[in-house]
């Protein structure tokens, strides 16, 4: 598809050609576009500063959401975990790639359950073993013990201590089960282990599987919820086949566009702000199903708008937000990008090939083949390339420690498939391409096509 003029003449300052769901829309320079918006509402400086400050509260790109009123989507996943908690003998494992909002879901579940009178313990696993992870959990549980005090009048004294004091030595699944059986047999307890994937020791994972089986077999009203980065449950729990009936598997896929739109609407609504449909479409498109980038782009676009004294976000504001988002992205993501494309020779194609990888069509697991990179690369460069022209780049992206690696490779020779090691890098590469004027309308159309697939 052509924009009606030569791409070589297009610059970000003059014209932005964006292929979105309705039709091809051309947006002229910022000043002329803002005039087309009509009357600009004046905003007091104090009001502007207050709203900009509040942007950092309603948009949360750097930390998981922990307030129910700011949480959007994931109703299916919430329902599955809730069903597991409400069914005695069942437990849940929440898994998915990095950046899809697993910890936010765990935080919201905690708030919802506490409001219903459930005792909830949530801990972060940090390279712990079985005993270390459970001691963290028990340290969050306070036990009250009544003690008779003799005197002129008899009275009772309540001594409180944390449950971890009961587990100072070695212990296993049997001791954990007996604790909940004796102390909380009539009280519903939910223990959430976040970042469960950091428990890489196979023995530790097997002990957790044994704990689930022991709690389930004895119908203890205690539910374990394990949350972690994984492609499937095999990566999180060893020998899980023996506890299949007791384990509800809750996969967290990338969010659909409708749920990303809900995130934007809910956040902007709390700021009394709105966004034009084309701006919303671009935010959702660039987020690639990852709520982290919806929050980041939403925040930066809202701030850019408020600085102009307006409360309605335009497509031009989103473009400003993209540039700011690139600058304010996580340092680890920026470093990975720079490391991957670094070269002493200007004519190398590392930047262009990495961008083509980010735009390539993928399967359900996020993998793409070498052939999928060819069309985006030709669009980006305006030249014709065959696979041998860039296969060495893919090889270095996936095997050269000096470049990351930023891609992981699976399959056999001539049938290799690739995907990004860090899913957060892929949308960043595309946004970087927009900010650097490498991505034009034709290239963005490939991204839209990919999202529809």
Protein backbone atom coordinates (compact mmCIF):
# COMPACT_ATOMS: atom_id res chain seq x y z
CA UNK A 1 0.00 0.00 0.00
CA UNK A 2 1.28 3.46 -0.81
CA UNK A 3 0.71 6.71 1.05
CA UNK A 4 0.47 8.65 -2.20
CA UNK A 5 3.96 10.12 -1.99
CA UNK A 6 7.51 8.86 -1.78
CA UNK A 7 8.51 7.59 1.66
CA UNK A 8 11.88 9.28 1.23
CA UNK A 9 10.10 12.64 1.47
CA UNK A 10 8.31 11.81 4.70
CA UNK A 11 9.66 13.10 8.01
CA UNK A 12 8.20 12.90 11.48
CA UNK A 13 8.08 16.71 11.71
CA UNK A 14 6.02 17.15 8.55
CA UNK A 15 3.68 14.24 8.07
CA UNK A 16 2.87 11.07 9.97
CA UNK A 17 1.18 8.33 7.98
CA UNK A 18 -0.60 5.95 10.32
CA UNK A 19 -2.52 2.91 9.08
CA UNK A 20 -5.21 2.23 11.66
CA UNK A 21 -8.48 0.37 11.75
CA UNK A 22 -10.54 2.87 9.79
CA UNK A 23 -8.47 4.29 6.94
CA UNK A 24 -5.20 5.99 6.11
CA UNK A 25 -5.09 9.34 7.90
CA UNK A 26 -2.52 12.02 7.26
CA UNK A 27 -1.60 14.35 10.10
CA UNK A 28 0.22 17.56 9.34
CA UNK A 29 2.67 19.44 11.54
CA UNK A 30 1.88 19.97 15.21
CA UNK A 31 0.80 23.61 15.03
CA UNK A 32 -1.64 23.14 12.18
CA UNK A 33 -3.04 20.02 13.79
CA UNK A 34 -3.63 21.69 17.14
CA UNK A 35 -5.50 24.51 15.44
CA UNK A 36 -7.88 21.93 14.00
CA UNK A 37 -8.80 20.86 17.52
CA UNK A 38 -10.69 24.10 18.03
CA UNK A 39 -10.78 25.97 21.32
CA UNK A 40 -8.01 25.08 23.76
CA UNK A 41 -9.20 25.05 27.35
CA UNK A 42 -7.04 27.18 29.58
CA UNK A 43 -5.68 25.37 32.60
CA UNK A 44 -4.24 26.91 35.71
CA UNK A 45 -0.61 26.08 36.39
CA UNK A 46 -1.44 24.52 39.76
CA UNK A 47 -4.11 22.30 38.17
CA UNK A 48 -1.67 21.28 35.44
CA UNK A 49 1.00 20.29 37.97
CA UNK A 50 -1.50 18.36 40.08
CA UNK A 51 -2.75 16.36 37.11
CA UNK A 52 0.78 15.62 35.90
CA UNK A 53 1.61 14.37 39.40
CA UNK A 54 -1.50 12.17 39.40
CA UNK A 55 -0.46 10.63 36.07
CA UNK A 56 2.25 8.77 37.95
CA UNK A 57 -0.38 7.29 40.25
CA UNK A 58 -3.00 6.13 37.75
CA UNK A 59 -0.47 4.88 35.18
CA UNK A 60 1.96 2.34 36.60
CA UNK A 61 4.57 1.19 34.06
CA UNK A 62 7.29 0.65 36.67
CA UNK A 63 5.34 -1.28 39.31
CA UNK A 64 2.45 -3.75 39.39
CA UNK A 65 -1.07 -2.42 39.92
CA UNK A 66 -2.17 -2.83 43.54
CA UNK A 67 -5.50 -0.99 43.55
CA UNK A 68 -8.69 -2.59 42.31
CA UNK A 69 -10.10 0.69 40.97
CA UNK A 70 -7.12 1.01 38.59
CA UNK A 71 -7.14 -2.61 37.45
CA UNK A 72 -8.77 -3.57 34.15
CA UNK A 73 -9.41 -6.82 32.30
CA UNK A 74 -8.36 -10.38 33.14
CA UNK A 75 -11.89 -11.40 34.20
CA UNK A 76 -11.43 -14.94 32.86
CA UNK A 77 -8.20 -15.44 34.82
CA UNK A 78 -9.71 -13.98 38.01
CA UNK A 79 -12.66 -16.36 37.67
CA UNK A 80 -10.41 -19.42 37.25
CA UNK A 81 -8.28 -18.58 40.29
CA UNK A 82 -11.37 -17.76 42.36
CA UNK A 83 -12.91 -21.11 41.45
CA UNK A 84 -9.75 -22.88 42.62
CA UNK A 85 -9.74 -20.99 45.92
CA UNK A 86 -13.42 -21.74 46.52
CA UNK A 87 -12.95 -25.46 45.80
CA UNK A 88 -11.38 -27.29 48.71
CA UNK A 89 -8.39 -29.36 47.67
CA UNK A 90 -7.56 -27.26 44.61
CA UNK A 91 -4.60 -24.95 44.10
CA UNK A 92 -3.57 -22.62 41.27
CA UNK A 93 -0.54 -21.77 39.19
CA UNK A 94 -0.52 -18.51 37.21
CA UNK A 95 2.05 -18.46 34.42
CA UNK A 96 2.94 -16.47 31.33
CA UNK A 97 5.68 -14.40 29.75
CA UNK A 98 7.26 -11.39 31.40
CA UNK A 99 5.25 -8.15 31.31
CA UNK A 100 1.72 -9.54 30.94
CA UNK A 101 0.58 -8.46 34.42
CA UNK A 102 0.86 -11.61 36.56
CA UNK A 103 1.93 -9.78 39.72
CA UNK A 104 -0.79 -7.15 39.24
CA UNK A 105 -3.35 -9.95 39.10
CA UNK A 106 -1.92 -11.49 42.28
CA UNK A 107 -2.12 -8.10 44.05
CA UNK A 108 -5.74 -7.60 43.04
CA UNK A 109 -6.66 -11.14 44.11
CA UNK A 110 -5.11 -10.43 47.49
CA UNK A 111 -7.23 -7.29 47.97
CA UNK A 112 -10.40 -9.04 46.83
CA UNK A 113 -9.87 -12.01 49.15
CA UNK A 114 -8.94 -9.92 52.20
CA UNK A 115 -12.17 -7.96 51.78
CA UNK A 116 -14.02 -11.29 52.02
CA UNK A 117 -12.37 -12.26 55.31
CA UNK A 118 -9.79 -14.64 53.84
CA UNK A 119 -6.33 -14.73 55.42
CA UNK A 120 -3.95 -13.98 52.54
CA UNK A 121 -0.17 -14.25 52.68
CA UNK A 122 1.85 -13.03 49.68
CA UNK A 123 5.61 -13.39 49.40
CA UNK A 124 8.20 -12.86 46.67
CA UNK A 125 10.55 -15.77 46.02
CA UNK A 126 14.16 -14.64 45.66
CA UNK A 127 16.40 -17.58 44.85
CA UNK A 128 15.06 -19.29 47.98
CA UNK A 129 14.86 -22.98 48.71
CA UNK A 130 11.73 -24.70 50.02
CA UNK A 131 12.32 -23.80 53.66
CA UNK A 132 13.32 -20.22 52.85
CA UNK A 133 10.19 -19.55 50.82
CA UNK A 134 7.92 -20.96 53.51
CA UNK A 135 9.70 -19.12 56.32
CA UNK A 136 8.96 -15.87 54.48
CA UNK A 137 5.30 -16.87 54.32
CA UNK A 138 5.13 -17.89 57.97
CA UNK A 139 6.79 -14.61 59.00
CA UNK A 140 3.66 -12.87 57.69
CA UNK A 141 1.35 -14.96 59.91
CA UNK A 142 0.80 -13.83 63.49
CA UNK A 143 -0.40 -16.33 66.08
CA UNK A 144 -2.09 -15.20 69.29
CA UNK A 145 -1.70 -17.45 72.34
CA UNK A 146 -3.75 -16.96 75.49
CA UNK A 147 -1.92 -17.40 78.78
CA UNK A 148 -3.46 -17.43 82.28
CA UNK A 149 -1.98 -14.79 84.58
CA UNK A 150 -2.31 -15.49 88.30
CA UNK A 151 -2.94 -12.63 90.70
CA UNK A 152 -5.60 -11.14 92.92
CA UNK A 153 -7.96 -11.65 90.03
CA UNK A 154 -7.34 -14.19 87.33
CA UNK A 155 -6.97 -12.81 83.84
CA UNK A 156 -5.70 -13.87 80.49
CA UNK A 157 -2.72 -12.44 78.68
CA UNK A 158 -2.39 -12.70 74.91
CA UNK A 159 1.08 -13.29 73.55
CA UNK A 160 1.60 -12.80 69.83
CA UNK A 161 4.41 -14.23 67.73
CA UNK A 162 5.02 -14.95 64.07
CA UNK A 163 4.66 -18.50 62.81
CA UNK A 164 8.19 -18.68 61.41
CA UNK A 165 9.41 -19.23 64.98
CA UNK A 166 7.82 -22.67 64.78
CA UNK A 167 9.98 -23.63 61.80
CA UNK A 168 13.56 -22.91 62.82
CA UNK A 169 14.97 -26.29 61.82
CA UNK A 170 14.55 -28.46 58.74
CA UNK A 171 10.98 -29.21 57.73
CA UNK A 172 9.03 -30.53 54.77
CA UNK A 173 5.53 -30.86 53.31
CA UNK A 174 4.26 -32.87 56.29
CA UNK A 175 5.11 -30.14 58.79
CA UNK A 176 3.52 -27.46 56.59
CA UNK A 177 0.32 -29.50 56.27
CA UNK A 178 0.15 -30.16 60.04
CA UNK A 179 0.58 -26.45 60.79
CA UNK A 180 -2.41 -25.44 58.68
CA UNK A 181 -4.39 -28.46 59.84
CA UNK A 182 -3.97 -27.64 63.54
CA UNK A 183 -3.86 -23.84 63.54
CA UNK A 184 -6.13 -22.89 60.62
CA UNK A 185 -8.36 -25.90 60.06
CA UNK A 186 -11.48 -23.70 60.26
CA UNK A 187 -9.97 -20.59 58.65
CA UNK A 188 -9.57 -20.18 54.90
CA UNK A 189 -5.97 -19.33 54.04
CA UNK A 190 -4.46 -18.39 50.66
CA UNK A 191 -0.68 -18.28 50.27
CA UNK A 192 0.63 -16.58 47.12
CA UNK A 193 4.20 -17.27 46.01
CA UNK A 194 5.12 -14.61 43.44
CA UNK A 195 8.18 -14.96 41.18
CA UNK A 196 7.95 -18.70 41.73
CA UNK A 197 10.16 -19.25 38.67
CA UNK A 198 13.13 -18.10 40.74
CA UNK A 199 12.93 -21.38 42.66
CA UNK A 200 14.98 -23.12 39.98
CA UNK A 201 16.05 -26.04 42.16
CA UNK A 202 14.30 -29.22 41.02
CA UNK A 203 14.17 -30.55 44.58
CA UNK A 204 12.41 -27.38 45.77
CA UNK A 205 9.81 -27.65 43.02
CA UNK A 206 9.19 -31.31 43.84
CA UNK A 207 8.70 -30.44 47.52
CA UNK A 208 6.06 -27.87 46.54
CA UNK A 209 4.33 -30.51 44.42
CA UNK A 210 4.36 -32.84 47.44
CA UNK A 211 2.93 -30.06 49.61
CA UNK A 212 0.07 -29.48 47.19
CA UNK A 213 -0.70 -33.21 47.16
CA UNK A 214 -0.57 -33.44 50.96
CA UNK A 215 -2.86 -30.43 51.47
CA UNK A 216 -5.26 -31.66 48.80
CA UNK A 217 -5.41 -35.28 50.00
CA UNK A 218 -6.21 -34.11 53.53
CA UNK A 219 -8.77 -31.52 52.37
CA UNK A 220 -7.05 -28.69 54.26
CA UNK A 221 -8.77 -25.30 53.66
CA UNK A 222 -5.50 -23.76 52.51
CA UNK A 223 -4.86 -22.77 48.89
CA UNK A 224 -1.45 -22.24 47.32
CA UNK A 225 -1.22 -19.85 44.37
CA UNK A 226 2.09 -19.91 42.51
CA UNK A 227 2.90 -17.09 40.08
CA UNK A 228 5.82 -17.13 37.66
CA UNK A 229 7.35 -16.56 34.25
CA UNK A 230 6.99 -19.72 32.17
CA UNK A 231 5.87 -21.01 28.80
CA UNK A 232 3.94 -23.83 30.45
CA UNK A 233 3.42 -25.36 33.87
CA UNK A 234 6.26 -27.88 33.27
CA UNK A 235 8.71 -25.01 33.67
CA UNK A 236 7.36 -24.14 37.13
CA UNK A 237 6.51 -27.39 38.89
CA UNK A 238 8.38 -30.66 38.49
CA UNK A 239 6.37 -33.87 38.51
CA UNK A 240 3.16 -31.85 38.31
CA UNK A 241 1.40 -34.77 36.59
CA UNK A 242 0.84 -36.38 40.00
CA UNK A 243 -1.17 -33.34 41.14
CA UNK A 244 -3.02 -32.55 37.91
CA UNK A 245 -6.45 -32.88 39.49
CA UNK A 246 -5.47 -30.58 42.34
CA UNK A 247 -3.79 -27.91 40.22
CA UNK A 248 -5.70 -25.32 38.20
CA UNK A 249 -3.46 -23.95 35.44
CA UNK A 250 -4.13 -20.28 34.68
CA UNK A 251 -2.22 -19.01 31.67
CA UNK A 252 -1.82 -15.26 31.31
CA UNK A 253 -1.69 -14.52 27.57
CA UNK A 254 -1.00 -11.11 26.15
CA UNK A 255 -3.98 -8.84 26.67
CA UNK A 256 -6.46 -8.31 23.82
CA UNK A 257 -6.90 -4.80 22.46
CA UNK A 258 -10.25 -4.39 24.22
CA UNK A 259 -8.65 -4.88 27.65
CA UNK A 260 -5.76 -2.54 26.85
CA UNK A 261 -8.36 0.03 25.82
CA UNK A 262 -10.09 -0.48 29.18
CA UNK A 263 -6.79 0.25 30.96
CA UNK A 264 -6.51 3.56 29.10
CA UNK A 265 -10.14 4.53 29.65
CA UNK A 266 -10.05 3.76 33.36
CA UNK A 267 -6.81 5.66 33.95
CA UNK A 268 -7.77 8.67 31.84
CA UNK A 269 -11.24 8.73 33.39
CA UNK A 270 -9.74 9.21 36.84
CA UNK A 271 -7.84 12.21 35.44
CA UNK A 272 -10.93 13.62 33.66
CA UNK A 273 -9.03 13.21 30.39
CA UNK A 274 -9.98 11.71 27.02
CA UNK A 275 -8.11 10.49 23.95
CA UNK A 276 -8.96 10.66 20.27
CA UNK A 277 -9.76 7.25 18.70
CA UNK A 278 -6.70 7.26 16.42
CA UNK A 279 -4.44 7.99 19.39
CA UNK A 280 -6.01 5.13 21.33
CA UNK A 281 -5.53 2.79 18.36
CA UNK A 282 -1.83 3.61 18.14
CA UNK A 283 -1.25 3.09 21.89
CA UNK A 284 -2.99 -0.30 21.75
CA UNK A 285 -1.14 -1.28 18.56
CA UNK A 286 2.30 -0.46 19.96
CA UNK A 287 1.59 -2.15 23.31
CA UNK A 288 1.55 -5.55 21.56
CA UNK A 289 -0.63 -7.03 24.29
CA UNK A 290 1.72 -5.99 27.12
CA UNK A 291 0.02 -3.73 29.72
CA UNK A 292 3.41 -2.36 30.77
CA UNK A 293 3.62 -0.40 27.52
CA UNK A 294 -0.01 0.69 27.68
CA UNK A 295 0.76 2.28 31.03
CA UNK A 296 4.04 3.78 29.79
CA UNK A 297 2.61 5.23 26.58
CA UNK A 298 -0.55 6.36 28.35
CA UNK A 299 1.43 8.17 31.01
CA UNK A 300 3.83 9.90 28.62
CA UNK A 301 1.04 10.88 26.20
CA UNK A 302 -1.09 12.28 29.02
CA UNK A 303 1.80 14.31 30.41
CA UNK A 304 2.62 15.70 26.95
CA UNK A 305 -1.02 16.77 26.59
CA UNK A 306 -1.26 18.35 30.04
CA UNK A 307 1.91 20.35 29.43
CA UNK A 308 0.07 21.97 26.52
CA UNK A 309 -2.78 22.88 28.86
CA UNK A 310 -5.26 20.40 27.37
CA UNK A 311 -7.10 17.31 28.61
CA UNK A 312 -7.83 15.62 25.27
CA UNK A 313 -4.98 13.50 23.92
CA UNK A 314 -4.39 13.73 20.16
CA UNK A 315 -2.39 11.49 17.86
CA UNK A 316 0.35 14.12 17.86
CA UNK A 317 0.46 13.89 21.68
CA UNK A 318 0.84 10.12 21.43
CA UNK A 319 3.76 10.67 19.03
CA UNK A 320 5.40 12.88 21.63
CA UNK A 321 4.62 10.24 24.22
CA UNK A 322 6.36 7.58 22.11
CA UNK A 323 9.59 9.58 22.04
CA UNK A 324 9.43 10.16 25.80
CA UNK A 325 8.55 6.50 26.40
CA UNK A 326 11.65 5.42 24.48
CA UNK A 327 13.78 7.69 26.66
CA UNK A 328 12.08 6.54 29.88
CA UNK A 329 11.93 2.81 29.16
CA UNK A 330 13.62 0.46 31.59
CA UNK A 331 17.38 0.82 31.47
CA UNK A 332 17.81 -2.94 31.05
CA UNK A 333 15.67 -2.86 27.89
CA UNK A 334 17.56 0.13 26.47
CA UNK A 335 20.88 -1.55 27.22
CA UNK A 336 19.76 -4.78 25.54
CA UNK A 337 18.80 -2.83 22.42
CA UNK A 338 22.08 -0.91 22.23
CA UNK A 339 24.09 -4.06 22.85
CA UNK A 340 22.26 -5.93 20.08
CA UNK A 341 22.70 -3.32 17.34
CA UNK A 342 26.19 -2.09 18.26
CA UNK A 343 28.60 -2.15 15.33
CA UNK A 344 31.70 -0.26 14.24
CA UNK A 345 30.55 -0.35 10.62
CA UNK A 346 27.68 1.93 9.65
CA UNK A 347 26.58 -0.23 6.73
CA UNK A 348 25.67 -3.22 8.90
CA UNK A 349 21.99 -4.12 9.18
CA UNK A 350 21.75 -5.05 12.85
CA UNK A 351 19.30 -2.24 13.68
CA UNK A 352 17.12 -2.93 10.65
CA UNK A 353 17.12 -6.73 11.11
CA UNK A 354 16.21 -6.42 14.79
CA UNK A 355 13.32 -4.12 13.85
CA UNK A 356 12.23 -6.61 11.19
CA UNK A 357 12.25 -9.35 13.85
CA UNK A 358 10.00 -7.19 16.03
CA UNK A 359 7.58 -6.78 13.10
CA UNK A 360 7.66 -10.41 11.95
CA UNK A 361 4.55 -12.57 12.11
CA UNK A 362 4.72 -15.03 15.01
CA UNK A 363 2.99 -18.24 16.09
CA UNK A 364 1.03 -18.75 19.31
CA UNK A 365 4.24 -19.07 21.31
CA UNK A 366 5.83 -15.94 19.87
CA UNK A 367 8.22 -17.72 17.49
CA UNK A 368 9.00 -16.58 13.95
CA UNK A 369 11.02 -18.14 11.12
CA UNK A 370 13.78 -16.54 9.07
CA UNK A 371 11.36 -16.22 6.15
CA UNK A 372 9.03 -14.09 8.31
CA UNK A 373 11.77 -11.47 8.68
CA UNK A 374 12.26 -10.94 4.94
CA UNK A 375 9.14 -8.88 4.12
CA UNK A 376 9.52 -6.41 7.04
CA UNK A 377 13.22 -5.97 6.28
CA UNK A 378 12.49 -5.16 2.64
CA UNK A 379 9.83 -2.65 3.73
CA UNK A 380 12.14 -0.99 6.24
CA UNK A 381 15.11 -0.64 3.89
CA UNK A 382 13.31 -0.27 0.57
CA UNK A 383 15.65 -2.93 -0.82
CA UNK A 384 15.28 -6.59 -1.73
CA UNK A 385 16.94 -9.11 0.59
CA UNK A 386 17.03 -12.89 0.62
CA UNK A 387 17.43 -14.98 3.78
CA UNK A 388 21.21 -15.55 3.35
CA UNK A 389 21.67 -11.76 3.47
CA UNK A 390 20.52 -11.58 7.11
CA UNK A 391 20.75 -15.14 8.49
CA UNK A 392 24.09 -14.31 10.12
CA UNK A 393 22.40 -11.45 11.98
CA UNK A 394 19.79 -13.83 13.39
CA UNK A 395 22.55 -16.22 14.37
CA UNK A 396 24.43 -13.50 16.24
CA UNK A 397 21.25 -12.22 17.91
CA UNK A 398 20.62 -15.74 19.26
CA UNK A 399 24.11 -17.03 20.08
CA UNK A 400 26.57 -14.14 20.44
CA UNK A 401 26.98 -13.21 24.11
CA UNK A 402 28.29 -9.86 22.94
CA UNK A 403 24.82 -9.08 21.57
CA UNK A 404 22.75 -10.45 24.40
CA UNK A 405 21.60 -12.82 23.20
CA UNK A 406 18.32 -11.04 22.51
CA UNK A 407 16.70 -13.93 20.62
CA UNK A 408 16.26 -17.53 21.70
CA UNK A 409 16.42 -20.21 19.04
CA UNK A 410 14.66 -23.56 18.80
CA UNK A 411 14.42 -26.29 16.18
CA UNK A 412 17.02 -27.78 13.88
CA UNK A 413 19.31 -26.36 11.21
CA UNK A 414 17.43 -24.73 8.32
CA UNK A 415 14.27 -24.97 10.40
CA UNK A 416 15.26 -22.69 13.23
CA UNK A 417 12.61 -20.52 14.84
CA UNK A 418 13.29 -17.47 16.96
CA UNK A 419 11.61 -15.31 19.58
CA UNK A 420 12.65 -12.46 21.85
CA UNK A 421 14.27 -13.54 25.12
CA UNK A 422 12.71 -10.53 26.85
CA UNK A 423 9.20 -9.88 25.48
CA UNK A 424 9.46 -6.25 26.61
CA UNK A 425 12.23 -5.63 24.08
CA UNK A 426 10.04 -6.28 21.03
CA UNK A 427 7.60 -3.32 21.46
CA UNK A 428 10.54 -1.11 22.48
CA UNK A 429 12.31 -1.87 19.19
CA UNK A 430 9.20 -0.80 17.26
CA UNK A 431 8.78 2.39 19.29
CA UNK A 432 12.46 3.13 18.81
CA UNK A 433 11.94 2.74 15.06
CA UNK A 434 9.09 5.28 15.20
CA UNK A 435 11.11 7.71 17.29
CA UNK A 436 14.08 7.39 14.89
CA UNK A 437 11.83 7.86 11.80
CA UNK A 438 12.68 4.38 10.53
CA UNK A 439 9.08 3.17 10.76
CA UNK A 440 6.81 4.73 8.13
CA UNK A 441 3.17 4.14 7.28
CA UNK A 442 3.81 1.05 5.13
CA UNK A 443 5.88 -0.52 7.90
CA UNK A 444 3.27 0.28 10.53
CA UNK A 445 0.70 -1.47 8.37
CA UNK A 446 2.70 -4.69 8.78
CA UNK A 447 2.39 -4.32 12.53
CA UNK A 448 -1.36 -3.86 12.27
CA UNK A 449 -1.62 -6.96 10.08
CA UNK A 450 0.45 -8.93 12.59
CA UNK A 451 -1.87 -7.91 15.44
CA UNK A 452 -4.95 -9.05 13.51
CA UNK A 453 -3.31 -12.45 13.03
